[in-house]
PDB file of N, CA and C in Angstrom:
ATOM      1  N   MET A   1      -7.663  17.639   0.496  1.00  0.00           N
ATOM      2  CA  MET A   1      -7.151  16.316   0.793  1.00  0.00           C
ATOM      3  C   MET A   1      -7.724  15.322  -0.212  1.00  0.00           C
ATOM      4  N   ASN A   2      -6.885  14.474  -0.767  1.00  0.00           N
ATOM      5  CA  ASN A   2      -7.301  13.480  -1.743  1.00  0.00           C
ATOM      6  C   ASN A   2      -7.637  12.171  -1.045  1.00  0.00           C
ATOM      7  N   LYS A   3      -8.665  11.475  -1.543  1.00  0.00           N
ATOM      8  CA  LYS A   3      -9.056  10.182  -0.990  1.00  0.00           C
ATOM      9  C   LYS A   3      -8.395   9.071  -1.793  1.00  0.00           C
ATOM     10  N   LEU A   4      -7.914   8.054  -1.116  1.00  0.00           N
ATOM     11  CA  LEU A   4      -7.309   6.904  -1.765  1.00  0.00           C
ATOM     12  C   LEU A   4      -8.146   5.663  -1.483  1.00  0.00           C
ATOM     13  N   HIS A   5      -8.025   4.669  -2.349  1.00  0.00           N
ATOM     14  CA  HIS A   5      -8.773   3.429  -2.189  1.00  0.00           C
ATOM     15  C   HIS A   5      -8.083   2.441  -1.265  1.00  0.00           C
ATOM     16  N   VAL A   6      -6.871   2.754  -0.814  1.00  0.00           N
ATOM     17  CA  VAL A   6      -6.138   1.867   0.089  1.00  0.00           C
ATOM     18  C   VAL A   6      -5.933   2.552   1.434  1.00  0.00           C
ATOM     19  N   LYS A   7      -5.848   1.743   2.481  1.00  0.00           N
ATOM     20  CA  LYS A   7      -5.563   2.241   3.823  1.00  0.00           C
ATOM     21  C   LYS A   7      -4.364   1.478   4.365  1.00  0.00           C
ATOM     22  N   SER A   8      -3.724   2.026   5.382  1.00  0.00           N
ATOM     23  CA  SER A   8      -2.591   1.313   5.964  1.00  0.00           C
ATOM     24  C   SER A   8      -3.111   0.048   6.640  1.00  0.00           C
ATOM     25  N   GLY A   9      -2.380  -1.049   6.431  1.00  0.00           N
ATOM     26  CA  GLY A   9      -2.803  -2.339   6.956  1.00  0.00           C
ATOM     27  C   GLY A   9      -3.452  -3.229   5.906  1.00  0.00           C
ATOM     28  N   ASP A  10      -3.863  -2.663   4.767  1.00  0.00           N
ATOM     29  CA  ASP A  10      -4.449  -3.457   3.687  1.00  0.00           C
ATOM     30  C   ASP A  10      -3.388  -4.329   3.021  1.00  0.00           C
ATOM     31  N   THR A  11      -3.807  -5.489   2.533  1.00  0.00           N
ATOM     32  CA  THR A  11      -2.941  -6.318   1.701  1.00  0.00           C
ATOM     33  C   THR A  11      -3.222  -5.953   0.256  1.00  0.00           C
ATOM     34  N   VAL A  12      -2.160  -5.652  -0.501  1.00  0.00           N
ATOM     35  CA  VAL A  12      -2.324  -5.215  -1.886  1.00  0.00           C
ATOM     36  C   VAL A  12      -1.426  -6.031  -2.800  1.00  0.00           C
ATOM     37  N   VAL A  13      -1.740  -5.997  -4.097  1.00  0.00           N
ATOM     38  CA  VAL A  13      -0.902  -6.603  -5.124  1.00  0.00           C
ATOM     39  C   VAL A  13      -0.463  -5.482  -6.059  1.00  0.00           C
ATOM     40  N   ILE A  14       0.800  -5.524  -6.497  1.00  0.00           N
ATOM     41  CA  ILE A  14       1.343  -4.488  -7.373  1.00  0.00           C
ATOM     42  C   ILE A  14       0.998  -4.846  -8.811  1.00  0.00           C
ATOM     43  N   LEU A  15       0.436  -3.881  -9.549  1.00  0.00           N
ATOM     44  CA  LEU A  15      -0.047  -4.117 -10.910  1.00  0.00           C
ATOM     45  C   LEU A  15       0.994  -3.873 -11.983  1.00  0.00           C
ATOM     46  N   SER A  16       1.921  -2.945 -11.762  1.00  0.00           N
ATOM     47  CA  SER A  16       2.906  -2.644 -12.798  1.00  0.00           C
ATOM     48  C   SER A  16       4.225  -2.227 -12.174  1.00  0.00           C
ATOM     49  N   GLY A  17       5.270  -2.290 -12.991  1.00  0.00           N
ATOM     50  CA  GLY A  17       6.602  -1.919 -12.524  1.00  0.00           C
ATOM     51  C   GLY A  17       7.474  -3.137 -12.323  1.00  0.00           C
ATOM     52  N   LYS A  18       8.643  -2.915 -11.732  1.00  0.00           N
ATOM     53  CA  LYS A  18       9.611  -3.998 -11.573  1.00  0.00           C
ATOM     54  C   LYS A  18       9.158  -5.052 -10.565  1.00  0.00           C
ATOM     55  N   ASP A  19       8.254  -4.714  -9.659  1.00  0.00           N
ATOM     56  CA  ASP A  19       7.761  -5.651  -8.647  1.00  0.00           C
ATOM     57  C   ASP A  19       6.353  -6.144  -8.960  1.00  0.00           C
ATOM     58  N   ARG A  20       5.967  -6.165 -10.234  1.00  0.00           N
ATOM     59  CA  ARG A  20       4.617  -6.558 -10.629  1.00  0.00           C
ATOM     60  C   ARG A  20       4.298  -7.976 -10.141  1.00  0.00           C
ATOM     61  N   GLY A  21       3.106  -8.132  -9.545  1.00  0.00           N
ATOM     62  CA  GLY A  21       2.669  -9.433  -9.063  1.00  0.00           C
ATOM     63  C   GLY A  21       2.966  -9.698  -7.598  1.00  0.00           C
ATOM     64  N   LYS A  22       3.810  -8.880  -6.972  1.00  0.00           N
ATOM     65  CA  LYS A  22       4.144  -9.084  -5.567  1.00  0.00           C
ATOM     66  C   LYS A  22       2.990  -8.630  -4.680  1.00  0.00           C
ATOM     67  N   LYS A  23       2.786  -9.382  -3.595  1.00  0.00           N
ATOM     68  CA  LYS A  23       1.794  -8.997  -2.594  1.00  0.00           C
ATOM     69  C   LYS A  23       2.515  -8.467  -1.366  1.00  0.00           C
ATOM     70  N   GLY A  24       1.900  -7.510  -0.709  1.00  0.00           N
ATOM     71  CA  GLY A  24       2.493  -6.953   0.497  1.00  0.00           C
ATOM     72  C   GLY A  24       1.486  -6.148   1.287  1.00  0.00           C
ATOM     73  N   LYS A  25       1.871  -5.801   2.489  1.00  0.00           N
ATOM     74  CA  LYS A  25       1.022  -5.034   3.383  1.00  0.00           C
ATOM     75  C   LYS A  25       1.387  -3.552   3.290  1.00  0.00           C
ATOM     76  N   VAL A  26       0.386  -2.690   3.275  1.00  0.00           N
ATOM     77  CA  VAL A  26       0.619  -1.243   3.196  1.00  0.00           C
ATOM     78  C   VAL A  26       1.083  -0.756   4.564  1.00  0.00           C
ATOM     79  N   MET A  27       2.282  -0.157   4.583  1.00  0.00           N
ATOM     80  CA  MET A  27       2.837   0.346   5.836  1.00  0.00           C
ATOM     81  C   MET A  27       2.450   1.794   6.081  1.00  0.00           C
ATOM     82  N   GLN A  28       2.450   2.601   5.017  1.00  0.00           N
ATOM     83  CA  GLN A  28       2.210   4.029   5.164  1.00  0.00           C
ATOM     84  C   GLN A  28       1.487   4.547   3.935  1.00  0.00           C
ATOM     85  N   VAL A  29       0.572   5.507   4.133  1.00  0.00           N
ATOM     86  CA  VAL A  29      -0.197   6.101   3.044  1.00  0.00           C
ATOM     87  C   VAL A  29       0.032   7.606   3.058  1.00  0.00           C
ATOM     88  N   SER A  30       0.266   8.169   1.877  1.00  0.00           N
ATOM     89  CA  SER A  30       0.418   9.616   1.730  1.00  0.00           C
ATOM     90  C   SER A  30      -0.634  10.127   0.748  1.00  0.00           C
ATOM     91  N   PRO A  31      -1.809  10.546   1.235  1.00  0.00           N
ATOM     92  CA  PRO A  31      -2.881  10.964   0.335  1.00  0.00           C
ATOM     93  C   PRO A  31      -2.552  12.231  -0.449  1.00  0.00           C
ATOM     94  N   LYS A  32      -1.752  13.103   0.122  1.00  0.00           N
ATOM     95  CA  LYS A  32      -1.406  14.351  -0.559  1.00  0.00           C
ATOM     96  C   LYS A  32      -0.617  14.081  -1.837  1.00  0.00           C
ATOM     97  N   GLU A  33       0.303  13.119  -1.790  1.00  0.00           N
ATOM     98  CA  GLU A  33       1.109  12.753  -2.960  1.00  0.00           C
ATOM     99  C   GLU A  33       0.456  11.649  -3.778  1.00  0.00           C
ATOM    100  N   GLY A  34      -0.515  10.924  -3.199  1.00  0.00           N
ATOM    101  CA  GLY A  34      -1.143   9.808  -3.882  1.00  0.00           C
ATOM    102  C   GLY A  34      -0.251   8.584  -3.924  1.00  0.00           C
ATOM    103  N   LYS A  35       0.571   8.393  -2.885  1.00  0.00           N
ATOM    104  CA  LYS A  35       1.526   7.289  -2.857  1.00  0.00           C
ATOM    105  C   LYS A  35       1.349   6.438  -1.604  1.00  0.00           C
ATOM    106  N   VAL A  36       1.843   5.188  -1.699  1.00  0.00           N
ATOM    107  CA  VAL A  36       1.831   4.267  -0.570  1.00  0.00           C
ATOM    108  C   VAL A  36       3.200   3.599  -0.457  1.00  0.00           C
ATOM    109  N   ILE A  37       3.538   3.134   0.748  1.00  0.00           N
ATOM    110  CA  ILE A  37       4.760   2.368   0.964  1.00  0.00           C
ATOM    111  C   ILE A  37       4.341   0.956   1.351  1.00  0.00           C
ATOM    112  N   ILE A  38       4.850  -0.038   0.606  1.00  0.00           N
ATOM    113  CA  ILE A  38       4.493  -1.435   0.802  1.00  0.00           C
ATOM    114  C   ILE A  38       5.717  -2.162   1.333  1.00  0.00           C
ATOM    115  N   GLU A  39       5.505  -3.009   2.351  1.00  0.00           N
ATOM    116  CA  GLU A  39       6.642  -3.714   2.935  1.00  0.00           C
ATOM    117  C   GLU A  39       7.155  -4.789   1.981  1.00  0.00           C
ATOM    118  N   ASN A  40       8.462  -4.921   1.928  1.00  0.00           N
ATOM    119  CA  ASN A  40       9.186  -5.895   1.093  1.00  0.00           C
ATOM    120  C   ASN A  40       8.917  -5.714  -0.397  1.00  0.00           C
ATOM    121  N   ALA A  41       8.752  -4.473  -0.833  1.00  0.00           N
ATOM    122  CA  ALA A  41       8.557  -4.196  -2.264  1.00  0.00           C
ATOM    123  C   ALA A  41       9.144  -2.829  -2.594  1.00  0.00           C
ATOM    124  N   ASN A  42       9.562  -2.640  -3.847  1.00  0.00           N
ATOM    125  CA  ASN A  42      10.080  -1.375  -4.366  1.00  0.00           C
ATOM    126  C   ASN A  42      11.283  -0.877  -3.554  1.00  0.00           C
ATOM    127  N   PHE A  43      12.314  -1.715  -3.453  1.00  0.00           N
ATOM    128  CA  PHE A  43      13.519  -1.339  -2.706  1.00  0.00           C
ATOM    129  C   PHE A  43      14.388  -0.384  -3.512  1.00  0.00           C
ATOM    130  N   VAL A  44      14.977   0.584  -2.808  1.00  0.00           N
ATOM    131  CA  VAL A  44      15.961   1.497  -3.386  1.00  0.00           C
ATOM    132  C   VAL A  44      17.186   1.490  -2.483  1.00  0.00           C
ATOM    133  N   GLN A  45      18.336   1.891  -3.050  1.00  0.00           N
ATOM    134  CA  GLN A  45      19.561   1.984  -2.266  1.00  0.00           C
ATOM    135  C   GLN A  45      19.811   3.437  -1.898  1.00  0.00           C
ATOM    136  N   LYS A  46      20.086   3.668  -0.616  1.00  0.00           N
ATOM    137  CA  LYS A  46      20.363   5.009  -0.128  1.00  0.00           C
ATOM    138  C   LYS A  46      21.792   5.058   0.403  1.00  0.00           C
ATOM    139  N   HIS A  47      22.468   6.154   0.128  1.00  0.00           N
ATOM    140  CA  HIS A  47      23.814   6.381   0.650  1.00  0.00           C
ATOM    141  C   HIS A  47      23.682   7.175   1.945  1.00  0.00           C
ATOM    142  N   VAL A  48      24.116   6.590   3.043  1.00  0.00           N
ATOM    143  CA  VAL A  48      23.952   7.201   4.359  1.00  0.00           C
ATOM    144  C   VAL A  48      25.314   7.655   4.869  1.00  0.00           C
ATOM    145  N   LYS A  49      25.365   8.893   5.300  1.00  0.00           N
ATOM    146  CA  LYS A  49      26.583   9.487   5.846  1.00  0.00           C
ATOM    147  C   LYS A  49      26.573   9.305   7.367  1.00  0.00           C
ATOM    148  N   PRO A  50      27.703   8.957   7.959  1.00  0.00           N
ATOM    149  CA  PRO A  50      27.717   8.830   9.418  1.00  0.00           C
ATOM    150  C   PRO A  50      27.508  10.185  10.086  1.00  0.00           C
ATOM    151  N   ARG A  51      26.602  10.246  11.032  1.00  0.00           N
ATOM    152  CA  ARG A  51      26.267  11.512  11.700  1.00  0.00           C
ATOM    153  C   ARG A  51      26.989  11.678  13.031  1.00  0.00           C
ATOM    154  N   LYS A  52      27.186  10.597  13.763  1.00  0.00           N
ATOM    155  CA  LYS A  52      27.836  10.671  15.071  1.00  0.00           C
ATOM    156  C   LYS A  52      29.200   9.985  15.005  1.00  0.00           C
ATOM    157  N   MET A  53      30.020  10.271  15.987  1.00  0.00           N
ATOM    158  CA  MET A  53      31.329   9.650  16.079  1.00  0.00           C
ATOM    159  C   MET A  53      31.167   8.150  16.318  1.00  0.00           C
ATOM    160  N   GLY A  54      31.793   7.329  15.507  1.00  0.00           N
ATOM    161  CA  GLY A  54      31.712   5.888  15.652  1.00  0.00           C
ATOM    162  C   GLY A  54      30.549   5.245  14.909  1.00  0.00           C
ATOM    163  N   GLU A  55      29.649   6.053  14.365  1.00  0.00           N
ATOM    164  CA  GLU A  55      28.512   5.513  13.612  1.00  0.00           C
ATOM    165  C   GLU A  55      28.963   5.149  12.200  1.00  0.00           C
ATOM    166  N   ALA A  56      28.496   4.031  11.711  1.00  0.00           N
ATOM    167  CA  ALA A  56      28.908   3.565  10.391  1.00  0.00           C
ATOM    168  C   ALA A  56      28.042   4.194   9.299  1.00  0.00           C
ATOM    169  N   GLY A  57      28.669   4.533   8.206  1.00  0.00           N
ATOM    170  CA  GLY A  57      27.952   4.997   7.024  1.00  0.00           C
ATOM    171  C   GLY A  57      27.950   3.894   5.993  1.00  0.00           C
ATOM    172  N   GLY A  58      27.358   4.144   4.865  1.00  0.00           N
ATOM    173  CA  GLY A  58      27.368   3.137   3.806  1.00  0.00           C
ATOM    174  C   GLY A  58      26.098   3.173   2.990  1.00  0.00           C
ATOM    175  N   ILE A  59      25.871   2.086   2.281  1.00  0.00           N
ATOM    176  CA  ILE A  59      24.711   1.973   1.412  1.00  0.00           C
ATOM    177  C   ILE A  59      23.702   1.043   2.077  1.00  0.00           C
ATOM    178  N   ILE A  60      22.458   1.533   2.263  1.00  0.00           N
ATOM    179  CA  ILE A  60      21.405   0.718   2.862  1.00  0.00           C
ATOM    180  C   ILE A  60      20.270   0.549   1.864  1.00  0.00           C
ATOM    181  N   LYS A  61      19.489  -0.514   2.048  1.00  0.00           N
ATOM    182  CA  LYS A  61      18.306  -0.749   1.210  1.00  0.00           C
ATOM    183  C   LYS A  61      17.078  -0.364   2.014  1.00  0.00           C
ATOM    184  N   ALA A  62      16.134   0.340   1.379  1.00  0.00           N
ATOM    185  CA  ALA A  62      14.907   0.755   2.051  1.00  0.00           C
ATOM    186  C   ALA A  62      13.743   0.717   1.058  1.00  0.00           C
ATOM    187  N   GLU A  63      12.523   0.559   1.595  1.00  0.00           N
ATOM    188  CA  GLU A  63      11.336   0.581   0.751  1.00  0.00           C
ATOM    189  C   GLU A  63      11.054   2.006   0.316  1.00  0.00           C
ATOM    190  N   SER A  64      10.642   2.168  -0.923  1.00  0.00           N
ATOM    191  CA  SER A  64      10.321   3.475  -1.467  1.00  0.00           C
ATOM    192  C   SER A  64       8.825   3.549  -1.762  1.00  0.00           C
ATOM    193  N   ALA A  65       8.320   4.756  -1.928  1.00  0.00           N
ATOM    194  CA  ALA A  65       6.897   4.966  -2.199  1.00  0.00           C
ATOM    195  C   ALA A  65       6.559   4.568  -3.634  1.00  0.00           C
ATOM    196  N   ILE A  66       5.319   4.132  -3.835  1.00  0.00           N
ATOM    197  CA  ILE A  66       4.813   3.761  -5.146  1.00  0.00           C
ATOM    198  C   ILE A  66       3.436   4.409  -5.289  1.00  0.00           C
ATOM    199  N   TYR A  67       3.084   4.792  -6.509  1.00  0.00           N
ATOM    200  CA  TYR A  67       1.789   5.424  -6.719  1.00  0.00           C
ATOM    201  C   TYR A  67       0.656   4.467  -6.369  1.00  0.00           C
ATOM    202  N   ALA A  68      -0.381   4.997  -5.717  1.00  0.00           N
ATOM    203  CA  ALA A  68      -1.506   4.170  -5.270  1.00  0.00           C
ATOM    204  C   ALA A  68      -2.307   3.617  -6.439  1.00  0.00           C
ATOM    205  N   CYS A  69      -2.267   4.272  -7.605  1.00  0.00           N
ATOM    206  CA  CYS A  69      -3.004   3.775  -8.762  1.00  0.00           C
ATOM    207  C   CYS A  69      -2.362   2.519  -9.335  1.00  0.00           C
ATOM    208  N   LYS A  70      -1.166   2.179  -8.913  1.00  0.00           N
ATOM    209  CA  LYS A  70      -0.463   0.995  -9.417  1.00  0.00           C
ATOM    210  C   LYS A  70      -0.612  -0.211  -8.493  1.00  0.00           C
ATOM    211  N   VAL A  71      -1.453  -0.106  -7.470  1.00  0.00           N
ATOM    212  CA  VAL A  71      -1.727  -1.231  -6.577  1.00  0.00           C
ATOM    213  C   VAL A  71      -3.232  -1.484  -6.514  1.00  0.00           C
ATOM    214  N   GLN A  72      -3.596  -2.722  -6.166  1.00  0.00           N
ATOM    215  CA  GLN A  72      -5.000  -3.096  -6.048  1.00  0.00           C
ATOM    216  C   GLN A  72      -5.176  -3.910  -4.769  1.00  0.00           C
ATOM    217  N   VAL A  73      -6.271  -3.649  -4.059  1.00  0.00           N
ATOM    218  CA  VAL A  73      -6.541  -4.301  -2.782  1.00  0.00           C
ATOM    219  C   VAL A  73      -6.880  -5.764  -3.013  1.00  0.00           C
ATOM    220  N   VAL A  74      -6.359  -6.645  -2.131  1.00  0.00           N
ATOM    221  CA  VAL A  74      -6.674  -8.072  -2.178  1.00  0.00           C
ATOM    222  C   VAL A  74      -7.748  -8.347  -1.130  1.00  0.00           C
ATOM    223  N   CYS A  75      -8.850  -8.975  -1.547  1.00  0.00           N
ATOM    224  CA  CYS A  75      -9.952  -9.299  -0.647  1.00  0.00           C
ATOM    225  C   CYS A  75      -9.506 -10.389   0.324  1.00  0.00           C
ATOM    226  N   PRO A  76      -9.710 -10.203   1.644  1.00  0.00           N
ATOM    227  CA  PRO A  76      -9.282 -11.228   2.592  1.00  0.00           C
ATOM    228  C   PRO A  76     -10.123 -12.503   2.518  1.00  0.00           C
ATOM    229  N   ARG A  77     -11.353 -12.410   2.010  1.00  0.00           N
ATOM    230  CA  ARG A  77     -12.213 -13.584   1.963  1.00  0.00           C
ATOM    231  C   ARG A  77     -11.975 -14.435   0.710  1.00  0.00           C
ATOM    232  N   CYS A  78     -12.063 -13.787  -0.486  1.00  0.00           N
ATOM    233  CA  CYS A  78     -11.908 -14.568  -1.719  1.00  0.00           C
ATOM    234  C   CYS A  78     -10.454 -14.630  -2.183  1.00  0.00           C
ATOM    235  N   GLY A  79      -9.580 -13.766  -1.662  1.00  0.00           N
ATOM    236  CA  GLY A  79      -8.159 -13.818  -1.981  1.00  0.00           C
ATOM    237  C   GLY A  79      -7.797 -13.297  -3.351  1.00  0.00           C
ATOM    238  N   LYS A  80      -8.720 -12.591  -4.017  1.00  0.00           N
ATOM    239  CA  LYS A  80      -8.465 -12.066  -5.357  1.00  0.00           C
ATOM    240  C   LYS A  80      -8.279 -10.557  -5.308  1.00  0.00           C
ATOM    241  N   PRO A  81      -7.465 -10.008  -6.222  1.00  0.00           N
ATOM    242  CA  PRO A  81      -7.368  -8.551  -6.321  1.00  0.00           C
ATOM    243  C   PRO A  81      -8.704  -7.986  -6.786  1.00  0.00           C
ATOM    244  N   THR A  82      -9.167  -6.936  -6.151  1.00  0.00           N
ATOM    245  CA  THR A  82     -10.492  -6.412  -6.441  1.00  0.00           C
ATOM    246  C   THR A  82     -10.534  -4.898  -6.327  1.00  0.00           C
ATOM    247  N   ARG A  83     -11.522  -4.317  -6.963  1.00  0.00           N
ATOM    248  CA  ARG A  83     -11.784  -2.895  -6.779  1.00  0.00           C
ATOM    249  C   ARG A  83     -12.587  -2.721  -5.504  1.00  0.00           C
ATOM    250  N   VAL A  84     -12.529  -1.522  -4.941  1.00  0.00           N
ATOM    251  CA  VAL A  84     -13.192  -1.262  -3.672  1.00  0.00           C
ATOM    252  C   VAL A  84     -14.513  -0.555  -3.938  1.00  0.00           C
ATOM    253  N   GLY A  85     -15.595  -1.126  -3.402  1.00  0.00           N
ATOM    254  CA  GLY A  85     -16.906  -0.489  -3.476  1.00  0.00           C
ATOM    255  C   GLY A  85     -17.309  -0.009  -2.092  1.00  0.00           C
ATOM    256  N   HIS A  86     -18.382   0.764  -2.020  1.00  0.00           N
ATOM    257  CA  HIS A  86     -18.863   1.267  -0.740  1.00  0.00           C
ATOM    258  C   HIS A  86     -20.335   0.912  -0.579  1.00  0.00           C
ATOM    259  N   LYS A  87     -20.710   0.586   0.664  1.00  0.00           N
ATOM    260  CA  LYS A  87     -22.091   0.264   0.994  1.00  0.00           C
ATOM    261  C   LYS A  87     -22.473   1.127   2.187  1.00  0.00           C
ATOM    262  N   VAL A  88     -23.652   1.754   2.118  1.00  0.00           N
ATOM    263  CA  VAL A  88     -24.131   2.589   3.213  1.00  0.00           C
ATOM    264  C   VAL A  88     -24.970   1.718   4.140  1.00  0.00           C
ATOM    265  N   LEU A  89     -24.619   1.725   5.418  1.00  0.00           N
ATOM    266  CA  LEU A  89     -25.343   0.931   6.413  1.00  0.00           C
ATOM    267  C   LEU A  89     -26.566   1.687   6.913  1.00  0.00           C
ATOM    268  N   GLU A  90     -27.393   1.019   7.750  1.00  0.00           N
ATOM    269  CA  GLU A  90     -28.626   1.652   8.251  1.00  0.00           C
ATOM    270  C   GLU A  90     -28.366   2.884   9.107  1.00  0.00           C
ATOM    271  N   ASP A  91     -27.245   2.894   9.843  1.00  0.00           N
ATOM    272  CA  ASP A  91     -26.948   4.043  10.701  1.00  0.00           C
ATOM    273  C   ASP A  91     -26.293   5.193   9.942  1.00  0.00           C
ATOM    274  N   GLY A  92     -26.131   5.053   8.609  1.00  0.00           N
ATOM    275  CA  GLY A  92     -25.604   6.146   7.793  1.00  0.00           C
ATOM    276  C   GLY A  92     -24.107   6.110   7.558  1.00  0.00           C
ATOM    277  N   THR A  93     -23.405   5.135   8.134  1.00  0.00           N
ATOM    278  CA  THR A  93     -21.959   5.046   7.937  1.00  0.00           C
ATOM    279  C   THR A  93     -21.650   4.242   6.675  1.00  0.00           C
ATOM    280  N   LYS A  94     -20.492   4.529   6.081  1.00  0.00           N
ATOM    281  CA  LYS A  94     -20.053   3.815   4.881  1.00  0.00           C
ATOM    282  C   LYS A  94     -19.147   2.662   5.268  1.00  0.00           C
ATOM    283  N   GLU A  95     -19.207   1.596   4.472  1.00  0.00           N
ATOM    284  CA  GLU A  95     -18.361   0.427   4.678  1.00  0.00           C
ATOM    285  C   GLU A  95     -17.727   0.052   3.354  1.00  0.00           C
ATOM    286  N   ARG A  96     -16.427  -0.279   3.370  1.00  0.00           N
ATOM    287  CA  ARG A  96     -15.741  -0.710   2.149  1.00  0.00           C
ATOM    288  C   ARG A  96     -16.070  -2.171   1.889  1.00  0.00           C
ATOM    289  N   VAL A  97     -16.436  -2.494   0.647  1.00  0.00           N
ATOM    290  CA  VAL A  97     -16.788  -3.868   0.295  1.00  0.00           C
ATOM    291  C   VAL A  97     -16.030  -4.302  -0.947  1.00  0.00           C
ATOM    292  N   CYS A  98     -15.858  -5.623  -1.084  1.00  0.00           N
ATOM    293  CA  CYS A  98     -15.226  -6.227  -2.247  1.00  0.00           C
ATOM    294  C   CYS A  98     -16.230  -6.194  -3.396  1.00  0.00           C
ATOM    295  N   ARG A  99     -15.774  -5.801  -4.588  1.00  0.00           N
ATOM    296  CA  ARG A  99     -16.670  -5.731  -5.740  1.00  0.00           C
ATOM    297  C   ARG A  99     -16.946  -7.106  -6.341  1.00  0.00           C
ATOM    298  N   LYS A 100     -16.135  -8.122  -5.962  1.00  0.00           N
ATOM    299  CA  LYS A 100     -16.313  -9.465  -6.533  1.00  0.00           C
ATOM    300  C   LYS A 100     -17.221 -10.336  -5.661  1.00  0.00           C
ATOM    301  N   CYS A 101     -16.959 -10.391  -4.355  1.00  0.00           N
ATOM    302  CA  CYS A 101     -17.764 -11.275  -3.508  1.00  0.00           C
ATOM    303  C   CYS A 101     -18.759 -10.526  -2.620  1.00  0.00           C
ATOM    304  N   GLY A 102     -18.628  -9.196  -2.496  1.00  0.00           N
ATOM    305  CA  GLY A 102     -19.588  -8.402  -1.731  1.00  0.00           C
ATOM    306  C   GLY A 102     -19.333  -8.336  -0.238  1.00  0.00           C
ATOM    307  N   GLU A 103     -18.268  -8.982   0.234  1.00  0.00           N
ATOM    308  CA  GLU A 103     -17.966  -8.959   1.662  1.00  0.00           C
ATOM    309  C   GLU A 103     -17.194  -7.696   2.037  1.00  0.00           C
ATOM    310  N   SER A 104     -17.268  -7.318   3.317  1.00  0.00           N
ATOM    311  CA  SER A 104     -16.581  -6.107   3.772  1.00  0.00           C
ATOM    312  C   SER A 104     -15.075  -6.339   3.834  1.00  0.00           C
ATOM    313  N   LEU A 105     -14.306  -5.272   3.594  1.00  0.00           N
ATOM    314  CA  LEU A 105     -12.841  -5.349   3.597  1.00  0.00           C
ATOM    315  C   LEU A 105     -12.299  -4.959   4.956  1.00  0.00           C
TER     316      LEU A 105
END
């Protein structure tokens, strides 16, 4: 299993691609593929076939996965895109911290 620097629920900024500079919330993380799905970013058009009688088919827009290396976590305190650091607490557990201001994420 691969570890990623982002978790679902994090606010991230996109670093490259057609949606560069957009901020959004991570909806889903796929560590095996190294990809994340961000709400309101990286839209693709899908052709949907009607499956049931009376159901409409057509072209729909949906969010697509983007590589996790192309996004960066936004610190909730300082509001800047930052790298994720780790701090070990006294009880031995790890905590994710902002590399710029030092606060927990």
